[in-house]
Amino acid sequence: MVNAYVQQGDIIRLESSAIHALVLSRDFFNRSGMAVVCPIFSTLPGDALHIPVSAGKYKGIAAVEQMKSLDLKKRIYTVLTHLDVPQIQNISDAAQGIFDYYPFG
């Protein structure tokens, strides 16, 4: 583990599976040792919830619909990079859209 806790917008690599994931949850939640993440893939079919991400040389596609809660106190991970604020906002908006309440569908 590199940091005491992850930050919203961090892209992490989970050691046991070599999966990359984007931390969606806010820092106050992450301090608990838990984090809500979505996986990042190199390719995915086009979809409103498949959002391209990039930071420096790092590029991928976040699968927002595949959010998961991870207990990072029990996982080995490495922070690879961090997204800028506009990308974090875009992905957070997409995630929030999954839960927004609309009374008619």
PDB file of N, CA and C in Angstrom:
ATOM      1  N   MET A   1       0.847  -1.166   0.000  1.00  0.00           N
ATOM      2  CA  MET A   1       0.000   0.000   0.000  1.00  0.00           C
ATOM      3  C   MET A   1       0.895   1.232   0.000  1.00  0.00           C
ATOM      4  N   VAL A   2       0.604   2.190  -0.834  1.00  0.00           N
ATOM      5  CA  VAL A   2       1.440   3.377  -0.951  1.00  0.00           C
ATOM      6  C   VAL A   2       0.973   4.469   0.004  1.00  0.00           C
ATOM      7  N   ASN A   3      -0.328   4.762   0.033  1.00  0.00           N
ATOM      8  CA  ASN A   3      -0.870   5.826   0.877  1.00  0.00           C
ATOM      9  C   ASN A   3      -1.603   5.234   2.073  1.00  0.00           C
ATOM     10  N   ALA A   4      -1.798   6.067   3.107  1.00  0.00           N
ATOM     11  CA  ALA A   4      -2.591   5.631   4.246  1.00  0.00           C
ATOM     12  C   ALA A   4      -4.040   5.419   3.814  1.00  0.00           C
ATOM     13  N   TYR A   5      -4.500   6.207   2.880  1.00  0.00           N
ATOM     14  CA  TYR A   5      -5.819   6.019   2.280  1.00  0.00           C
ATOM     15  C   TYR A   5      -5.783   6.601   0.878  1.00  0.00           C
ATOM     16  N   VAL A   6      -6.729   6.169   0.069  1.00  0.00           N
ATOM     17  CA  VAL A   6      -6.789   6.660  -1.305  1.00  0.00           C
ATOM     18  C   VAL A   6      -7.614   7.940  -1.348  1.00  0.00           C
ATOM     19  N   GLN A   7      -7.477   8.659  -2.444  1.00  0.00           N
ATOM     20  CA  GLN A   7      -8.228   9.891  -2.639  1.00  0.00           C
ATOM     21  C   GLN A   7      -9.163   9.729  -3.832  1.00  0.00           C
ATOM     22  N   GLN A   8     -10.271  10.472  -3.790  1.00  0.00           N
ATOM     23  CA  GLN A   8     -11.188  10.474  -4.914  1.00  0.00           C
ATOM     24  C   GLN A   8     -10.419  10.892  -6.168  1.00  0.00           C
ATOM     25  N   GLY A   9     -10.560  10.109  -7.229  1.00  0.00           N
ATOM     26  CA  GLY A   9      -9.852  10.399  -8.469  1.00  0.00           C
ATOM     27  C   GLY A   9      -8.579   9.605  -8.653  1.00  0.00           C
ATOM     28  N   ASP A  10      -8.132   8.900  -7.609  1.00  0.00           N
ATOM     29  CA  ASP A  10      -6.957   8.044  -7.754  1.00  0.00           C
ATOM     30  C   ASP A  10      -7.283   6.850  -8.645  1.00  0.00           C
ATOM     31  N   ILE A  11      -6.333   6.481  -9.465  1.00  0.00           N
ATOM     32  CA  ILE A  11      -6.418   5.221 -10.195  1.00  0.00           C
ATOM     33  C   ILE A  11      -5.455   4.277  -9.501  1.00  0.00           C
ATOM     34  N   ILE A  12      -6.000   3.144  -9.057  1.00  0.00           N
ATOM     35  CA  ILE A  12      -5.199   2.186  -8.305  1.00  0.00           C
ATOM     36  C   ILE A  12      -5.093   0.868  -9.065  1.00  0.00           C
ATOM     37  N   ARG A  13      -4.035   0.148  -8.758  1.00  0.00           N
ATOM     38  CA  ARG A  13      -3.854  -1.200  -9.291  1.00  0.00           C
ATOM     39  C   ARG A  13      -3.967  -2.153  -8.121  1.00  0.00           C
ATOM     40  N   LEU A  14      -4.894  -3.088  -8.230  1.00  0.00           N
ATOM     41  CA  LEU A  14      -5.061  -4.097  -7.185  1.00  0.00           C
ATOM     42  C   LEU A  14      -4.092  -5.222  -7.457  1.00  0.00           C
ATOM     43  N   GLU A  15      -3.221  -5.496  -6.523  1.00  0.00           N
ATOM     44  CA  GLU A  15      -2.120  -6.446  -6.720  1.00  0.00           C
ATOM     45  C   GLU A  15      -2.579  -7.868  -6.999  1.00  0.00           C
ATOM     46  N   SER A  16      -3.598  -8.333  -6.302  1.00  0.00           N
ATOM     47  CA  SER A  16      -3.985  -9.739  -6.436  1.00  0.00           C
ATOM     48  C   SER A  16      -4.568 -10.061  -7.803  1.00  0.00           C
ATOM     49  N   SER A  17      -5.113  -9.068  -8.479  1.00  0.00           N
ATOM     50  CA  SER A  17      -5.765  -9.355  -9.752  1.00  0.00           C
ATOM     51  C   SER A  17      -5.236  -8.518 -10.908  1.00  0.00           C
ATOM     52  N   ALA A  18      -4.353  -7.591 -10.641  1.00  0.00           N
ATOM     53  CA  ALA A  18      -3.809  -6.682 -11.658  1.00  0.00           C
ATOM     54  C   ALA A  18      -4.906  -5.846 -12.316  1.00  0.00           C
ATOM     55  N   ILE A  19      -6.035  -5.703 -11.648  1.00  0.00           N
ATOM     56  CA  ILE A  19      -7.122  -4.853 -12.150  1.00  0.00           C
ATOM     57  C   ILE A  19      -6.829  -3.412 -11.766  1.00  0.00           C
ATOM     58  N   HIS A  20      -7.127  -2.505 -12.678  1.00  0.00           N
ATOM     59  CA  HIS A  20      -7.035  -1.079 -12.387  1.00  0.00           C
ATOM     60  C   HIS A  20      -8.425  -0.595 -12.033  1.00  0.00           C
ATOM     61  N   ALA A  21      -8.502   0.336 -11.085  1.00  0.00           N
ATOM     62  CA  ALA A  21      -9.800   0.847 -10.651  1.00  0.00           C
ATOM     63  C   ALA A  21      -9.682   2.327 -10.330  1.00  0.00           C
ATOM     64  N   LEU A  22     -10.770   3.030 -10.578  1.00  0.00           N
ATOM     65  CA  LEU A  22     -10.862   4.452 -10.273  1.00  0.00           C
ATOM     66  C   LEU A  22     -11.624   4.621  -8.969  1.00  0.00           C
ATOM     67  N   VAL A  23     -11.067   5.387  -8.046  1.00  0.00           N
ATOM     68  CA  VAL A  23     -11.727   5.647  -6.770  1.00  0.00           C
ATOM     69  C   VAL A  23     -12.787   6.728  -6.984  1.00  0.00           C
ATOM     70  N   LEU A  24     -14.057   6.358  -6.750  1.00  0.00           N
ATOM     71  CA  LEU A  24     -15.177   7.285  -6.919  1.00  0.00           C
ATOM     72  C   LEU A  24     -15.568   7.972  -5.623  1.00  0.00           C
ATOM     73  N   SER A  25     -15.403   7.281  -4.503  1.00  0.00           N
ATOM     74  CA  SER A  25     -15.875   7.813  -3.221  1.00  0.00           C
ATOM     75  C   SER A  25     -15.016   8.977  -2.751  1.00  0.00           C
ATOM     76  N   ARG A  26     -15.633   9.801  -1.921  1.00  0.00           N
ATOM     77  CA  ARG A  26     -14.964  10.998  -1.421  1.00  0.00           C
ATOM     78  C   ARG A  26     -13.969  10.651  -0.320  1.00  0.00           C
ATOM     79  N   ASP A  27     -13.027  11.543  -0.109  1.00  0.00           N
ATOM     80  CA  ASP A  27     -11.924  11.294   0.814  1.00  0.00           C
ATOM     81  C   ASP A  27     -12.378  10.965   2.234  1.00  0.00           C
ATOM     82  N   PHE A  28     -13.444  11.636   2.726  1.00  0.00           N
ATOM     83  CA  PHE A  28     -13.878  11.373   4.102  1.00  0.00           C
ATOM     84  C   PHE A  28     -14.311   9.914   4.258  1.00  0.00           C
ATOM     85  N   PHE A  29     -14.895   9.329   3.216  1.00  0.00           N
ATOM     86  CA  PHE A  29     -15.292   7.917   3.258  1.00  0.00           C
ATOM     87  C   PHE A  29     -14.059   7.020   3.129  1.00  0.00           C
ATOM     88  N   ASN A  30     -13.156   7.386   2.257  1.00  0.00           N
ATOM     89  CA  ASN A  30     -11.963   6.569   2.013  1.00  0.00           C
ATOM     90  C   ASN A  30     -11.086   6.434   3.255  1.00  0.00           C
ATOM     91  N   ARG A  31     -11.125   7.432   4.138  1.00  0.00           N
ATOM     92  CA  ARG A  31     -10.325   7.372   5.363  1.00  0.00           C
ATOM     93  C   ARG A  31     -10.726   6.204   6.259  1.00  0.00           C
ATOM     94  N   SER A  32     -11.919   5.642   6.036  1.00  0.00           N
ATOM     95  CA  SER A  32     -12.374   4.487   6.816  1.00  0.00           C
ATOM     96  C   SER A  32     -11.636   3.216   6.406  1.00  0.00           C
ATOM     97  N   GLY A  33     -10.918   3.276   5.288  1.00  0.00           N
ATOM     98  CA  GLY A  33     -10.253   2.089   4.759  1.00  0.00           C
ATOM     99  C   GLY A  33     -11.076   1.409   3.688  1.00  0.00           C
ATOM    100  N   MET A  34     -12.298   1.886   3.500  1.00  0.00           N
ATOM    101  CA  MET A  34     -13.163   1.399   2.426  1.00  0.00           C
ATOM    102  C   MET A  34     -13.118   2.417   1.293  1.00  0.00           C
ATOM    103  N   ALA A  35     -13.451   1.969   0.079  1.00  0.00           N
ATOM    104  CA  ALA A  35     -13.541   2.878  -1.057  1.00  0.00           C
ATOM    105  C   ALA A  35     -14.524   2.295  -2.064  1.00  0.00           C
ATOM    106  N   VAL A  36     -15.254   3.172  -2.731  1.00  0.00           N
ATOM    107  CA  VAL A  36     -16.114   2.766  -3.837  1.00  0.00           C
ATOM    108  C   VAL A  36     -15.330   3.047  -5.108  1.00  0.00           C
ATOM    109  N   VAL A  37     -15.187   2.024  -5.930  1.00  0.00           N
ATOM    110  CA  VAL A  37     -14.367   2.119  -7.142  1.00  0.00           C
ATOM    111  C   VAL A  37     -15.138   1.593  -8.338  1.00  0.00           C
ATOM    112  N   CYS A  38     -14.657   1.912  -9.516  1.00  0.00           N
ATOM    113  CA  CYS A  38     -15.139   1.258 -10.730  1.00  0.00           C
ATOM    114  C   CYS A  38     -13.916   0.794 -11.508  1.00  0.00           C
ATOM    115  N   PRO A  39     -14.041  -0.345 -12.174  1.00  0.00           N
ATOM    116  CA  PRO A  39     -12.890  -0.859 -12.911  1.00  0.00           C
ATOM    117  C   PRO A  39     -12.587  -0.017 -14.140  1.00  0.00           C
ATOM    118  N   ILE A  40     -11.338  -0.062 -14.551  1.00  0.00           N
ATOM    119  CA  ILE A  40     -10.898   0.611 -15.771  1.00  0.00           C
ATOM    120  C   ILE A  40     -10.366  -0.455 -16.720  1.00  0.00           C
ATOM    121  N   PHE A  41     -10.836  -0.389 -17.953  1.00  0.00           N
ATOM    122  CA  PHE A  41     -10.427  -1.342 -18.983  1.00  0.00           C
ATOM    123  C   PHE A  41      -9.736  -0.602 -20.113  1.00  0.00           C
ATOM    124  N   SER A  42      -8.963  -1.336 -20.909  1.00  0.00           N
ATOM    125  CA  SER A  42      -8.302  -0.704 -22.051  1.00  0.00           C
ATOM    126  C   SER A  42      -9.276  -0.511 -23.212  1.00  0.00           C
ATOM    127  N   THR A  43     -10.251  -1.398 -23.352  1.00  0.00           N
ATOM    128  CA  THR A  43     -11.278  -1.245 -24.386  1.00  0.00           C
ATOM    129  C   THR A  43     -12.623  -1.683 -23.819  1.00  0.00           C
ATOM    130  N   LEU A  44     -13.662  -1.021 -24.264  1.00  0.00           N
ATOM    131  CA  LEU A  44     -15.047  -1.357 -23.918  1.00  0.00           C
ATOM    132  C   LEU A  44     -15.931  -0.858 -25.043  1.00  0.00           C
ATOM    133  N   PRO A  45     -17.081  -1.499 -25.263  1.00  0.00           N
ATOM    134  CA  PRO A  45     -18.001  -0.979 -26.278  1.00  0.00           C
ATOM    135  C   PRO A  45     -18.558   0.383 -25.843  1.00  0.00           C
ATOM    136  N   GLY A  46     -18.950   1.187 -26.808  1.00  0.00           N
ATOM    137  CA  GLY A  46     -19.500   2.500 -26.506  1.00  0.00           C
ATOM    138  C   GLY A  46     -20.759   2.400 -25.660  1.00  0.00           C
ATOM    139  N   ASP A  47     -20.858   3.239 -24.641  1.00  0.00           N
ATOM    140  CA  ASP A  47     -22.005   3.250 -23.736  1.00  0.00           C
ATOM    141  C   ASP A  47     -21.918   4.541 -22.932  1.00  0.00           C
ATOM    142  N   ALA A  48     -23.053   5.059 -22.488  1.00  0.00           N
ATOM    143  CA  ALA A  48     -23.066   6.295 -21.710  1.00  0.00           C
ATOM    144  C   ALA A  48     -22.310   6.159 -20.394  1.00  0.00           C
ATOM    145  N   LEU A  49     -22.188   4.934 -19.877  1.00  0.00           N
ATOM    146  CA  LEU A  49     -21.506   4.723 -18.608  1.00  0.00           C
ATOM    147  C   LEU A  49     -20.095   4.180 -18.773  1.00  0.00           C
ATOM    148  N   HIS A  50     -19.589   4.162 -20.002  1.00  0.00           N
ATOM    149  CA  HIS A  50     -18.197   3.796 -20.288  1.00  0.00           C
ATOM    150  C   HIS A  50     -17.478   5.093 -20.657  1.00  0.00           C
ATOM    151  N   ILE A  51     -16.735   5.630 -19.714  1.00  0.00           N
ATOM    152  CA  ILE A  51     -16.187   6.973 -19.857  1.00  0.00           C
ATOM    153  C   ILE A  51     -14.667   6.927 -19.984  1.00  0.00           C
ATOM    154  N   PRO A  52     -14.135   7.463 -21.085  1.00  0.00           N
ATOM    155  CA  PRO A  52     -12.677   7.504 -21.248  1.00  0.00           C
ATOM    156  C   PRO A  52     -12.024   8.353 -20.153  1.00  0.00           C
ATOM    157  N   VAL A  53     -10.871   7.879 -19.670  1.00  0.00           N
ATOM    158  CA  VAL A  53     -10.089   8.613 -18.675  1.00  0.00           C
ATOM    159  C   VAL A  53      -8.649   8.681 -19.160  1.00  0.00           C
ATOM    160  N   SER A  54      -7.970   9.756 -18.773  1.00  0.00           N
ATOM    161  CA  SER A  54      -6.550   9.866 -19.104  1.00  0.00           C
ATOM    162  C   SER A  54      -5.865  10.771 -18.094  1.00  0.00           C
ATOM    163  N   ALA A  55      -4.635  10.410 -17.802  1.00  0.00           N
ATOM    164  CA  ALA A  55      -3.786  11.205 -16.915  1.00  0.00           C
ATOM    165  C   ALA A  55      -2.358  10.960 -17.372  1.00  0.00           C
ATOM    166  N   GLY A  56      -1.761  11.969 -17.994  1.00  0.00           N
ATOM    167  CA  GLY A  56      -0.422  11.781 -18.546  1.00  0.00           C
ATOM    168  C   GLY A  56      -0.461  10.698 -19.609  1.00  0.00           C
ATOM    169  N   LYS A  57       0.394   9.684 -19.462  1.00  0.00           N
ATOM    170  CA  LYS A  57       0.423   8.584 -20.425  1.00  0.00           C
ATOM    171  C   LYS A  57      -0.643   7.530 -20.149  1.00  0.00           C
ATOM    172  N   TYR A  58      -1.319   7.626 -19.005  1.00  0.00           N
ATOM    173  CA  TYR A  58      -2.320   6.628 -18.638  1.00  0.00           C
ATOM    174  C   TYR A  58      -3.622   6.893 -19.389  1.00  0.00           C
ATOM    175  N   LYS A  59      -4.166   5.837 -20.014  1.00  0.00           N
ATOM    176  CA  LYS A  59      -5.445   5.947 -20.718  1.00  0.00           C
ATOM    177  C   LYS A  59      -6.249   4.688 -20.458  1.00  0.00           C
ATOM    178  N   GLY A  60      -7.558   4.840 -20.353  1.00  0.00           N
ATOM    179  CA  GLY A  60      -8.438   3.701 -20.154  1.00  0.00           C
ATOM    180  C   GLY A  60      -9.881   4.135 -20.255  1.00  0.00           C
ATOM    181  N   ILE A  61     -10.781   3.199 -19.971  1.00  0.00           N
ATOM    182  CA  ILE A  61     -12.213   3.473 -20.004  1.00  0.00           C
ATOM    183  C   ILE A  61     -12.809   2.982 -18.686  1.00  0.00           C
ATOM    184  N   ALA A  62     -13.408   3.904 -17.948  1.00  0.00           N
ATOM    185  CA  ALA A  62     -14.030   3.563 -16.669  1.00  0.00           C
ATOM    186  C   ALA A  62     -15.411   2.969 -16.924  1.00  0.00           C
ATOM    187  N   ALA A  63     -15.667   1.808 -16.339  1.00  0.00           N
ATOM    188  CA  ALA A  63     -16.968   1.145 -16.438  1.00  0.00           C
ATOM    189  C   ALA A  63     -17.772   1.533 -15.198  1.00  0.00           C
ATOM    190  N   VAL A  64     -18.459   2.659 -15.272  1.00  0.00           N
ATOM    191  CA  VAL A  64     -19.130   3.239 -14.110  1.00  0.00           C
ATOM    192  C   VAL A  64     -20.223   2.317 -13.574  1.00  0.00           C
ATOM    193  N   GLU A  65     -20.891   1.579 -14.435  1.00  0.00           N
ATOM    194  CA  GLU A  65     -21.982   0.700 -14.000  1.00  0.00           C
ATOM    195  C   GLU A  65     -21.498  -0.504 -13.197  1.00  0.00           C
ATOM    196  N   GLN A  66     -20.187  -0.704 -13.119  1.00  0.00           N
ATOM    197  CA  GLN A  66     -19.626  -1.834 -12.385  1.00  0.00           C
ATOM    198  C   GLN A  66     -19.015  -1.404 -11.044  1.00  0.00           C
ATOM    199  N   MET A  67     -19.588  -0.382 -10.425  1.00  0.00           N
ATOM    200  CA  MET A  67     -19.083   0.103  -9.124  1.00  0.00           C
ATOM    201  C   MET A  67     -19.048  -1.025  -8.098  1.00  0.00           C
ATOM    202  N   LYS A  68     -18.025  -0.962  -7.268  1.00  0.00           N
ATOM    203  CA  LYS A  68     -17.847  -1.949  -6.205  1.00  0.00           C
ATOM    204  C   LYS A  68     -17.311  -1.234  -4.963  1.00  0.00           C
ATOM    205  N   SER A  69     -17.611  -1.807  -3.823  1.00  0.00           N
ATOM    206  CA  SER A  69     -17.031  -1.330  -2.574  1.00  0.00           C
ATOM    207  C   SER A  69     -15.873  -2.249  -2.225  1.00  0.00           C
ATOM    208  N   LEU A  70     -14.719  -1.657  -1.917  1.00  0.00           N
ATOM    209  CA  LEU A  70     -13.540  -2.449  -1.569  1.00  0.00           C
ATOM    210  C   LEU A  70     -13.068  -2.112  -0.162  1.00  0.00           C
ATOM    211  N   ASP A  71     -12.670  -3.140   0.565  1.00  0.00           N
ATOM    212  CA  ASP A  71     -12.034  -2.961   1.858  1.00  0.00           C
ATOM    213  C   ASP A  71     -10.526  -2.906   1.594  1.00  0.00           C
ATOM    214  N   LEU A  72      -9.997  -1.703   1.485  1.00  0.00           N
ATOM    215  CA  LEU A  72      -8.592  -1.540   1.136  1.00  0.00           C
ATOM    216  C   LEU A  72      -7.657  -1.835   2.302  1.00  0.00           C
ATOM    217  N   LYS A  73      -8.211  -2.039   3.498  1.00  0.00           N
ATOM    218  CA  LYS A  73      -7.377  -2.473   4.617  1.00  0.00           C
ATOM    219  C   LYS A  73      -6.953  -3.926   4.410  1.00  0.00           C
ATOM    220  N   LYS A  74      -7.706  -4.641   3.564  1.00  0.00           N
ATOM    221  CA  LYS A  74      -7.418  -6.061   3.333  1.00  0.00           C
ATOM    222  C   LYS A  74      -6.894  -6.319   1.928  1.00  0.00           C
ATOM    223  N   ARG A  75      -6.662  -5.272   1.156  1.00  0.00           N
ATOM    224  CA  ARG A  75      -6.176  -5.412  -0.219  1.00  0.00           C
ATOM    225  C   ARG A  75      -4.813  -4.756  -0.341  1.00  0.00           C
ATOM    226  N   ILE A  76      -3.995  -5.308  -1.199  1.00  0.00           N
ATOM    227  CA  ILE A  76      -2.730  -4.667  -1.535  1.00  0.00           C
ATOM    228  C   ILE A  76      -2.970  -3.895  -2.828  1.00  0.00           C
ATOM    229  N   TYR A  77      -2.610  -2.634  -2.812  1.00  0.00           N
ATOM    230  CA  TYR A  77      -2.843  -1.798  -3.987  1.00  0.00           C
ATOM    231  C   TYR A  77      -1.718  -0.782  -4.125  1.00  0.00           C
ATOM    232  N   THR A  78      -1.640  -0.232  -5.323  1.00  0.00           N
ATOM    233  CA  THR A  78      -0.689   0.821  -5.626  1.00  0.00           C
ATOM    234  C   THR A  78      -1.438   1.942  -6.324  1.00  0.00           C
ATOM    235  N   VAL A  79      -1.192   3.171  -5.924  1.00  0.00           N
ATOM    236  CA  VAL A  79      -1.769   4.315  -6.621  1.00  0.00           C
ATOM    237  C   VAL A  79      -0.928   4.571  -7.867  1.00  0.00           C
ATOM    238  N   LEU A  80      -1.570   4.526  -9.030  1.00  0.00           N
ATOM    239  CA  LEU A  80      -0.860   4.717 -10.296  1.00  0.00           C
ATOM    240  C   LEU A  80      -0.801   6.177 -10.716  1.00  0.00           C
ATOM    241  N   THR A  81      -1.929   6.868 -10.608  1.00  0.00           N
ATOM    242  CA  THR A  81      -2.026   8.252 -11.055  1.00  0.00           C
ATOM    243  C   THR A  81      -3.294   8.856 -10.469  1.00  0.00           C
ATOM    244  N   HIS A  82      -3.578  10.079 -10.844  1.00  0.00           N
ATOM    245  CA  HIS A  82      -4.748  10.784 -10.328  1.00  0.00           C
ATOM    246  C   HIS A  82      -5.387  11.571 -11.473  1.00  0.00           C
ATOM    247  N   LEU A  83      -6.718  11.531 -11.554  1.00  0.00           N
ATOM    248  CA  LEU A  83      -7.428  12.277 -12.589  1.00  0.00           C
ATOM    249  C   LEU A  83      -7.593  13.737 -12.189  1.00  0.00           C
ATOM    250  N   ASP A  84      -7.757  14.590 -13.179  1.00  0.00           N
ATOM    251  CA  ASP A  84      -8.016  15.994 -12.897  1.00  0.00           C
ATOM    252  C   ASP A  84      -9.495  16.179 -12.522  1.00  0.00           C
ATOM    253  N   VAL A  85      -9.805  17.343 -11.955  1.00  0.00           N
ATOM    254  CA  VAL A  85     -11.140  17.609 -11.419  1.00  0.00           C
ATOM    255  C   VAL A  85     -12.246  17.486 -12.474  1.00  0.00           C
ATOM    256  N   PRO A  86     -12.101  18.032 -13.694  1.00  0.00           N
ATOM    257  CA  PRO A  86     -13.184  17.882 -14.670  1.00  0.00           C
ATOM    258  C   PRO A  86     -13.525  16.411 -14.971  1.00  0.00           C
ATOM    259  N   GLN A  87     -12.517  15.548 -15.039  1.00  0.00           N
ATOM    260  CA  GLN A  87     -12.805  14.130 -15.283  1.00  0.00           C
ATOM    261  C   GLN A  87     -13.515  13.501 -14.088  1.00  0.00           C
ATOM    262  N   ILE A  88     -13.069  13.847 -12.880  1.00  0.00           N
ATOM    263  CA  ILE A  88     -13.716  13.313 -11.684  1.00  0.00           C
ATOM    264  C   ILE A  88     -15.177  13.755 -11.645  1.00  0.00           C
ATOM    265  N   GLN A  89     -15.443  15.021 -11.948  1.00  0.00           N
ATOM    266  CA  GLN A  89     -16.815  15.530 -11.949  1.00  0.00           C
ATOM    267  C   GLN A  89     -17.669  14.811 -12.983  1.00  0.00           C
ATOM    268  N   ASN A  90     -17.134  14.597 -14.175  1.00  0.00           N
ATOM    269  CA  ASN A  90     -17.867  13.929 -15.240  1.00  0.00           C
ATOM    270  C   ASN A  90     -18.261  12.511 -14.824  1.00  0.00           C
ATOM    271  N   ILE A  91     -17.326  11.784 -14.241  1.00  0.00           N
ATOM    272  CA  ILE A  91     -17.592  10.405 -13.840  1.00  0.00           C
ATOM    273  C   ILE A  91     -18.510  10.370 -12.621  1.00  0.00           C
ATOM    274  N   SER A  92     -18.338  11.287 -11.688  1.00  0.00           N
ATOM    275  CA  SER A  92     -19.233  11.358 -10.528  1.00  0.00           C
ATOM    276  C   SER A  92     -20.660  11.661 -10.960  1.00  0.00           C
ATOM    277  N   ASP A  93     -20.820  12.550 -11.942  1.00  0.00           N
ATOM    278  CA  ASP A  93     -22.156  12.849 -12.469  1.00  0.00           C
ATOM    279  C   ASP A  93     -22.791  11.609 -13.088  1.00  0.00           C
ATOM    280  N   ALA A  94     -22.004  10.837 -13.840  1.00  0.00           N
ATOM    281  CA  ALA A  94     -22.528   9.611 -14.451  1.00  0.00           C
ATOM    282  C   ALA A  94     -22.942   8.608 -13.377  1.00  0.00           C
ATOM    283  N   ALA A  95     -22.120   8.476 -12.336  1.00  0.00           N
ATOM    284  CA  ALA A  95     -22.453   7.547 -11.246  1.00  0.00           C
ATOM    285  C   ALA A  95     -23.711   8.006 -10.523  1.00  0.00           C
ATOM    286  N   GLN A  96     -23.822   9.293 -10.248  1.00  0.00           N
ATOM    287  CA  GLN A  96     -25.013   9.828  -9.577  1.00  0.00           C
ATOM    288  C   GLN A  96     -26.259   9.599 -10.420  1.00  0.00           C
ATOM    289  N   GLY A  97     -26.116   9.664 -11.741  1.00  0.00           N
ATOM    290  CA  GLY A  97     -27.237   9.448 -12.633  1.00  0.00           C
ATOM    291  C   GLY A  97     -27.860   8.074 -12.484  1.00  0.00           C
ATOM    292  N   ILE A  98     -27.095   7.091 -12.050  1.00  0.00           N
ATOM    293  CA  ILE A  98     -27.623   5.752 -11.831  1.00  0.00           C
ATOM    294  C   ILE A  98     -28.637   5.771 -10.690  1.00  0.00           C
ATOM    295  N   PHE A  99     -28.443   6.660  -9.715  1.00  0.00           N
ATOM    296  CA  PHE A  99     -29.262   6.662  -8.501  1.00  0.00           C
ATOM    297  C   PHE A  99     -30.302   7.771  -8.441  1.00  0.00           C
ATOM    298  N   ASP A 100     -30.270   8.714  -9.393  1.00  0.00           N
ATOM    299  CA  ASP A 100     -31.236   9.799  -9.373  1.00  0.00           C
ATOM    300  C   ASP A 100     -32.661   9.250  -9.401  1.00  0.00           C
ATOM    301  N   TYR A 101     -33.544   9.909  -8.685  1.00  0.00           N
ATOM    302  CA  TYR A 101     -34.926   9.485  -8.627  1.00  0.00           C
ATOM    303  C   TYR A 101     -35.752  10.223  -9.672  1.00  0.00           C
ATOM    304  N   TYR A 102     -36.403   9.458 -10.518  1.00  0.00           N
ATOM    305  CA  TYR A 102     -37.349   9.997 -11.485  1.00  0.00           C
ATOM    306  C   TYR A 102     -38.648   9.216 -11.286  1.00  0.00           C
ATOM    307  N   PRO A 103     -39.727   9.891 -10.952  1.00  0.00           N
ATOM    308  CA  PRO A 103     -40.961   9.173 -10.599  1.00  0.00           C
ATOM    309  C   PRO A 103     -41.596   8.397 -11.756  1.00  0.00           C
ATOM    310  N   PHE A 104     -41.246   8.703 -12.998  1.00  0.00           N
ATOM    311  CA  PHE A 104     -41.913   8.035 -14.120  1.00  0.00           C
ATOM    312  C   PHE A 104     -40.936   7.337 -15.038  1.00  0.00           C
ATOM    313  N   GLY A 105     -39.973   6.654 -14.485  1.00  0.00           N
ATOM    314  CA  GLY A 105     -39.142   5.835 -15.333  1.00  0.00           C
ATOM    315  C   GLY A 105     -37.729   6.177 -15.348  1.00  0.00           C
TER     316      GLY A 105
END
